[in-house]
């Protein structure tokens, strides 16, 4: 299941992200963060961490460096 989630994020990175341009305010990008979080913490906890990160990625947030704990 985790492999499918990572595969889905990689599809997004390859086909959707280039159309949107560089918009992520964080380093690493939200999609890279999601992949790393799932690899380190598993699908459920890593997916939850990635979702929370995506919800923080908006114009009112300063962004910056935010590595996976």
PDB file of N, CA and C in Angstrom:
ATOM      1  N   UNK A   1       0.823  -1.197   0.000  1.00  0.00           N
ATOM      2  CA  UNK A   1       0.000   0.000   0.000  1.00  0.00           C
ATOM      3  C   UNK A   1       0.868   1.261   0.000  1.00  0.00           C
ATOM      4  N   UNK A   2       1.945   1.252   0.786  1.00  0.00           N
ATOM      5  CA  UNK A   2       2.842   2.406   0.828  1.00  0.00           C
ATOM      6  C   UNK A   2       3.502   2.611  -0.533  1.00  0.00           C
ATOM      7  N   UNK A   3       3.824   1.509  -1.200  1.00  0.00           N
ATOM      8  CA  UNK A   3       4.444   1.634  -2.523  1.00  0.00           C
ATOM      9  C   UNK A   3       3.498   2.305  -3.512  1.00  0.00           C
ATOM     10  N   UNK A   4       2.219   1.981  -3.424  1.00  0.00           N
ATOM     11  CA  UNK A   4       1.233   2.605  -4.304  1.00  0.00           C
ATOM     12  C   UNK A   4       1.126   4.103  -4.016  1.00  0.00           C
ATOM     13  N   UNK A   5       1.159   4.481  -2.745  1.00  0.00           N
ATOM     14  CA  UNK A   5       1.090   5.901  -2.377  1.00  0.00           C
ATOM     15  C   UNK A   5       2.307   6.647  -2.917  1.00  0.00           C
ATOM     16  N   UNK A   6       3.484   6.057  -2.764  1.00  0.00           N
ATOM     17  CA  UNK A   6       4.706   6.690  -3.274  1.00  0.00           C
ATOM     18  C   UNK A   6       4.656   6.772  -4.795  1.00  0.00           C
ATOM     19  N   UNK A   7       4.175   5.714  -5.436  1.00  0.00           N
ATOM     20  CA  UNK A   7       4.025   5.718  -6.890  1.00  0.00           C
ATOM     21  C   UNK A   7       3.087   6.840  -7.334  1.00  0.00           C
ATOM     22  N   UNK A   8       2.001   7.041  -6.604  1.00  0.00           N
ATOM     23  CA  UNK A   8       1.042   8.107  -6.933  1.00  0.00           C
ATOM     24  C   UNK A   8       1.685   9.485  -6.814  1.00  0.00           C
ATOM     25  N   UNK A   9       2.482   9.680  -5.783  1.00  0.00           N
ATOM     26  CA  UNK A   9       3.167  10.966  -5.611  1.00  0.00           C
ATOM     27  C   UNK A   9       4.170  11.175  -6.739  1.00  0.00           C
ATOM     28  N   UNK A  10       4.869  10.122  -7.123  1.00  0.00           N
ATOM     29  CA  UNK A  10       5.838  10.240  -8.224  1.00  0.00           C
ATOM     30  C   UNK A  10       5.135  10.559  -9.552  1.00  0.00           C
ATOM     31  N   UNK A  11       3.951   9.992  -9.771  1.00  0.00           N
ATOM     32  CA  UNK A  11       3.176  10.351 -10.966  1.00  0.00           C
ATOM     33  C   UNK A  11       2.825  11.835 -10.939  1.00  0.00           C
ATOM     34  N   UNK A  12       2.401  12.321  -9.782  1.00  0.00           N
ATOM     35  CA  UNK A  12       2.117  13.748  -9.622  1.00  0.00           C
ATOM     36  C   UNK A  12       3.366  14.563  -9.947  1.00  0.00           C
ATOM     37  N   UNK A  13       4.523  14.167  -9.403  1.00  0.00           N
ATOM     38  CA  UNK A  13       5.762  14.909  -9.636  1.00  0.00           C
ATOM     39  C   UNK A  13       6.108  14.952 -11.120  1.00  0.00           C
ATOM     40  N   UNK A  14       5.880  13.865 -11.804  1.00  0.00           N
ATOM     41  CA  UNK A  14       6.284  13.774 -13.203  1.00  0.00           C
ATOM     42  C   UNK A  14       5.320  14.470 -14.164  1.00  0.00           C
ATOM     43  N   UNK A  15       4.019  14.359 -13.915  1.00  0.00           N
ATOM     44  CA  UNK A  15       3.058  14.835 -14.906  1.00  0.00           C
ATOM     45  C   UNK A  15       2.278  16.088 -14.509  1.00  0.00           C
ATOM     46  N   UNK A  16       1.980  16.284 -13.259  1.00  0.00           N
ATOM     47  CA  UNK A  16       1.164  17.424 -12.833  1.00  0.00           C
ATOM     48  C   UNK A  16       2.032  18.598 -12.397  1.00  0.00           C
ATOM     49  N   UNK A  17       3.021  18.322 -11.577  1.00  0.00           N
ATOM     50  CA  UNK A  17       3.858  19.387 -11.025  1.00  0.00           C
ATOM     51  C   UNK A  17       4.520  20.270 -12.092  1.00  0.00           C
ATOM     52  N   UNK A  18       5.033  19.707 -13.193  1.00  0.00           N
ATOM     53  CA  UNK A  18       5.630  20.577 -14.212  1.00  0.00           C
ATOM     54  C   UNK A  18       4.634  21.572 -14.824  1.00  0.00           C
ATOM     55  N   UNK A  19       3.357  21.216 -14.834  1.00  0.00           N
ATOM     56  CA  UNK A  19       2.344  22.118 -15.379  1.00  0.00           C
ATOM     57  C   UNK A  19       2.047  23.280 -14.430  1.00  0.00           C
ATOM     58  N   UNK A  20       2.227  23.050 -13.125  1.00  0.00           N
ATOM     59  CA  UNK A  20       1.922  24.070 -12.120  1.00  0.00           C
ATOM     60  C   UNK A  20       3.089  25.001 -11.844  1.00  0.00           C
ATOM     61  N   UNK A  21       4.294  24.550 -12.127  1.00  0.00           N
ATOM     62  CA  UNK A  21       5.470  25.363 -11.853  1.00  0.00           C
ATOM     63  C   UNK A  21       5.890  25.251 -10.395  1.00  0.00           C
ATOM     64  N   UNK A  22       7.015  25.871 -10.059  1.00  0.00           N
ATOM     65  CA  UNK A  22       7.533  25.779  -8.685  1.00  0.00           C
ATOM     66  C   UNK A  22       6.723  26.652  -7.729  1.00  0.00           C
ATOM     67  N   UNK A  23       5.836  26.048  -6.956  1.00  0.00           N
ATOM     68  CA  UNK A  23       4.979  26.823  -6.059  1.00  0.00           C
ATOM     69  C   UNK A  23       5.145  26.473  -4.590  1.00  0.00           C
ATOM     70  N   UNK A  24       5.877  25.402  -4.267  1.00  0.00           N
ATOM     71  CA  UNK A  24       6.006  24.986  -2.867  1.00  0.00           C
ATOM     72  C   UNK A  24       6.887  25.975  -2.105  1.00  0.00           C
ATOM     73  N   UNK A  25       6.455  26.341  -0.906  1.00  0.00           N
ATOM     74  CA  UNK A  25       7.154  27.306  -0.067  1.00  0.00           C
ATOM     75  C   UNK A  25       8.179  26.652   0.846  1.00  0.00           C
ATOM     76  N   UNK A  26       8.222  25.335   0.847  1.00  0.00           N
ATOM     77  CA  UNK A  26       9.072  24.616   1.788  1.00  0.00           C
ATOM     78  C   UNK A  26      10.232  23.926   1.086  1.00  0.00           C
ATOM     79  N   UNK A  27      11.210  23.570   1.888  1.00  0.00           N
ATOM     80  CA  UNK A  27      12.320  22.752   1.426  1.00  0.00           C
ATOM     81  C   UNK A  27      12.482  21.618   2.424  1.00  0.00           C
ATOM     82  N   UNK A  28      12.378  20.389   2.016  1.00  0.00           N
ATOM     83  CA  UNK A  28      12.110  19.866   0.681  1.00  0.00           C
ATOM     84  C   UNK A  28      10.668  20.152   0.254  1.00  0.00           C
ATOM     85  N   UNK A  29      10.410  19.980  -1.028  1.00  0.00           N
ATOM     86  CA  UNK A  29       9.063  20.252  -1.530  1.00  0.00           C
ATOM     87  C   UNK A  29       8.054  19.333  -0.848  1.00  0.00           C
ATOM     88  N   UNK A  30       6.805  19.691  -0.914  1.00  0.00           N
ATOM     89  CA  UNK A  30       5.753  18.911  -0.241  1.00  0.00           C
ATOM     90  C   UNK A  30       5.697  17.473  -0.754  1.00  0.00           C
ATOM     91  N   UNK A  31       5.894  17.267  -2.053  1.00  0.00           N
ATOM     92  CA  UNK A  31       5.835  15.906  -2.579  1.00  0.00           C
ATOM     93  C   UNK A  31       7.041  15.084  -2.122  1.00  0.00           C
ATOM     94  N   UNK A  32       8.227  15.691  -2.086  1.00  0.00           N
ATOM     95  CA  UNK A  32       9.396  14.978  -1.566  1.00  0.00           C
ATOM     96  C   UNK A  32       9.226  14.681  -0.077  1.00  0.00           C
ATOM     97  N   UNK A  33       8.652  15.617   0.644  1.00  0.00           N
ATOM     98  CA  UNK A  33       8.383  15.430   2.071  1.00  0.00           C
ATOM     99  C   UNK A  33       7.440  14.245   2.272  1.00  0.00           C
ATOM    100  N   UNK A  34       6.393  14.170   1.472  1.00  0.00           N
ATOM    101  CA  UNK A  34       5.416  13.081   1.579  1.00  0.00           C
ATOM    102  C   UNK A  34       6.092  11.730   1.360  1.00  0.00           C
ATOM    103  N   UNK A  35       6.912  11.626   0.331  1.00  0.00           N
ATOM    104  CA  UNK A  35       7.600  10.366   0.049  1.00  0.00           C
ATOM    105  C   UNK A  35       8.519   9.988   1.205  1.00  0.00           C
ATOM    106  N   UNK A  36       9.313  10.931   1.675  1.00  0.00           N
ATOM    107  CA  UNK A  36      10.245  10.646   2.768  1.00  0.00           C
ATOM    108  C   UNK A  36       9.503  10.286   4.057  1.00  0.00           C
ATOM    109  N   UNK A  37       8.410  10.971   4.342  1.00  0.00           N
ATOM    110  CA  UNK A  37       7.631  10.678   5.545  1.00  0.00           C
ATOM    111  C   UNK A  37       7.043   9.274   5.486  1.00  0.00           C
ATOM    112  N   UNK A  38       6.536   8.866   4.331  1.00  0.00           N
ATOM    113  CA  UNK A  38       5.980   7.517   4.185  1.00  0.00           C
ATOM    114  C   UNK A  38       7.086   6.473   4.319  1.00  0.00           C
ATOM    115  N   UNK A  39       8.249   6.739   3.735  1.00  0.00           N
ATOM    116  CA  UNK A  39       9.351   5.790   3.836  1.00  0.00           C
ATOM    117  C   UNK A  39       9.841   5.647   5.273  1.00  0.00           C
ATOM    118  N   UNK A  40       9.884   6.732   6.011  1.00  0.00           N
ATOM    119  CA  UNK A  40      10.396   6.691   7.386  1.00  0.00           C
ATOM    120  C   UNK A  40       9.375   6.207   8.407  1.00  0.00           C
ATOM    121  N   UNK A  41       8.121   6.641   8.259  1.00  0.00           N
ATOM    122  CA  UNK A  41       7.122   6.419   9.303  1.00  0.00           C
ATOM    123  C   UNK A  41       5.971   5.504   8.900  1.00  0.00           C
ATOM    124  N   UNK A  42       5.970   5.020   7.670  1.00  0.00           N
ATOM    125  CA  UNK A  42       4.884   4.154   7.221  1.00  0.00           C
ATOM    126  C   UNK A  42       3.765   4.957   6.576  1.00  0.00           C
ATOM    127  N   UNK A  43       2.845   4.235   5.972  1.00  0.00           N
ATOM    128  CA  UNK A  43       1.788   4.872   5.179  1.00  0.00           C
ATOM    129  C   UNK A  43       0.885   5.773   6.008  1.00  0.00           C
ATOM    130  N   UNK A  44       0.381   5.292   7.139  1.00  0.00           N
ATOM    131  CA  UNK A  44      -0.621   6.063   7.868  1.00  0.00           C
ATOM    132  C   UNK A  44      -0.021   7.285   8.551  1.00  0.00           C
ATOM    133  N   UNK A  45       1.029   7.096   9.336  1.00  0.00           N
ATOM    134  CA  UNK A  45       1.624   8.242  10.031  1.00  0.00           C
ATOM    135  C   UNK A  45       2.317   9.171   9.034  1.00  0.00           C
ATOM    136  N   UNK A  46       3.085   8.608   8.099  1.00  0.00           N
ATOM    137  CA  UNK A  46       3.766   9.421   7.096  1.00  0.00           C
ATOM    138  C   UNK A  46       2.793  10.150   6.188  1.00  0.00           C
ATOM    139  N   UNK A  47       1.702   9.472   5.818  1.00  0.00           N
ATOM    140  CA  UNK A  47       0.675  10.119   4.997  1.00  0.00           C
ATOM    141  C   UNK A  47       0.011  11.269   5.729  1.00  0.00           C
ATOM    142  N   UNK A  48      -0.251  11.078   7.031  1.00  0.00           N
ATOM    143  CA  UNK A  48      -0.844  12.138   7.849  1.00  0.00           C
ATOM    144  C   UNK A  48       0.113  13.327   7.951  1.00  0.00           C
ATOM    145  N   UNK A  49       1.406  13.045   8.144  1.00  0.00           N
ATOM    146  CA  UNK A  49       2.399  14.120   8.219  1.00  0.00           C
ATOM    147  C   UNK A  49       2.450  14.887   6.893  1.00  0.00           C
ATOM    148  N   UNK A  50       2.419  14.151   5.779  1.00  0.00           N
ATOM    149  CA  UNK A  50       2.448  14.786   4.469  1.00  0.00           C
ATOM    150  C   UNK A  50       1.210  15.624   4.205  1.00  0.00           C
ATOM    151  N   UNK A  51       0.051  15.124   4.611  1.00  0.00           N
ATOM    152  CA  UNK A  51      -1.194  15.875   4.435  1.00  0.00           C
ATOM    153  C   UNK A  51      -1.169  17.171   5.243  1.00  0.00           C
ATOM    154  N   UNK A  52      -0.700  17.090   6.485  1.00  0.00           N
ATOM    155  CA  UNK A  52      -0.596  18.305   7.312  1.00  0.00           C
ATOM    156  C   UNK A  52       0.368  19.305   6.683  1.00  0.00           C
ATOM    157  N   UNK A  53       1.442  18.810   6.093  1.00  0.00           N
ATOM    158  CA  UNK A  53       2.412  19.683   5.434  1.00  0.00           C
ATOM    159  C   UNK A  53       1.770  20.381   4.236  1.00  0.00           C
ATOM    160  N   UNK A  54       1.021  19.644   3.435  1.00  0.00           N
ATOM    161  CA  UNK A  54       0.351  20.227   2.266  1.00  0.00           C
ATOM    162  C   UNK A  54      -0.641  21.303   2.703  1.00  0.00           C
ATOM    163  N   UNK A  55      -1.343  21.071   3.803  1.00  0.00           N
ATOM    164  CA  UNK A  55      -2.307  22.060   4.301  1.00  0.00           C
ATOM    165  C   UNK A  55      -1.616  23.328   4.806  1.00  0.00           C
ATOM    166  N   UNK A  56      -0.345  23.222   5.205  1.00  0.00           N
ATOM    167  CA  UNK A  56       0.414  24.401   5.641  1.00  0.00           C
ATOM    168  C   UNK A  56       1.012  25.171   4.472  1.00  0.00           C
ATOM    169  N   UNK A  57       0.998  24.611   3.284  1.00  0.00           N
ATOM    170  CA  UNK A  57       1.626  25.232   2.113  1.00  0.00           C
ATOM    171  C   UNK A  57       0.623  26.174   1.442  1.00  0.00           C
ATOM    172  N   UNK A  58       0.592  27.409   1.918  1.00  0.00           N
ATOM    173  CA  UNK A  58      -0.323  28.411   1.370  1.00  0.00           C
ATOM    174  C   UNK A  58       0.341  29.786   1.454  1.00  0.00           C
ATOM    175  N   UNK A  59      -0.202  30.797   0.785  1.00  0.00           N
ATOM    176  CA  UNK A  59       0.439  32.113   0.717  1.00  0.00           C
ATOM    177  C   UNK A  59       0.646  32.801   2.062  1.00  0.00           C
ATOM    178  N   UNK A  60      -0.095  32.432   3.088  1.00  0.00           N
ATOM    179  CA  UNK A  60       0.033  33.103   4.379  1.00  0.00           C
ATOM    180  C   UNK A  60       1.080  32.462   5.280  1.00  0.00           C
ATOM    181  N   UNK A  61       1.684  31.374   4.826  1.00  0.00           N
ATOM    182  CA  UNK A  61       2.734  30.703   5.583  1.00  0.00           C
ATOM    183  C   UNK A  61       4.078  31.078   4.987  1.00  0.00           C
ATOM    184  N   UNK A  62       5.025  31.415   5.829  1.00  0.00           N
ATOM    185  CA  UNK A  62       6.349  31.842   5.382  1.00  0.00           C
ATOM    186  C   UNK A  62       7.110  30.728   4.670  1.00  0.00           C
ATOM    187  N   UNK A  63       6.926  29.489   5.113  1.00  0.00           N
ATOM    188  CA  UNK A  63       7.634  28.360   4.510  1.00  0.00           C
ATOM    189  C   UNK A  63       9.027  28.220   5.081  1.00  0.00           C
ATOM    190  N   UNK A  64       9.967  27.772   4.257  1.00  0.00           N
ATOM    191  CA  UNK A  64      11.347  27.589   4.695  1.00  0.00           C
ATOM    192  C   UNK A  64      11.701  26.123   4.833  1.00  0.00           C
ATOM    193  N   UNK A  65      12.791  25.868   5.546  1.00  0.00           N
ATOM    194  CA  UNK A  65      13.265  24.497   5.742  1.00  0.00           C
ATOM    195  C   UNK A  65      12.370  23.778   6.744  1.00  0.00           C
ATOM    196  N   UNK A  66      11.905  22.600   6.377  1.00  0.00           N
ATOM    197  CA  UNK A  66      11.024  21.806   7.233  1.00  0.00           C
ATOM    198  C   UNK A  66      11.271  20.330   6.941  1.00  0.00           C
ATOM    199  N   UNK A  67      12.363  19.764   7.492  1.00  0.00           N
ATOM    200  CA  UNK A  67      12.672  18.360   7.208  1.00  0.00           C
ATOM    201  C   UNK A  67      11.711  17.409   7.913  1.00  0.00           C
ATOM    202  N   UNK A  68      11.662  16.192   7.437  1.00  0.00           N
ATOM    203  CA  UNK A  68      10.837  15.153   8.056  1.00  0.00           C
ATOM    204  C   UNK A  68      11.473  14.782   9.394  1.00  0.00           C
ATOM    205  N   UNK A  69      10.705  14.794  10.483  1.00  0.00           N
ATOM    206  CA  UNK A  69      11.287  14.424  11.789  1.00  0.00           C
ATOM    207  C   UNK A  69      11.592  12.933  11.875  1.00  0.00           C
TER     208      UNK A  69
END
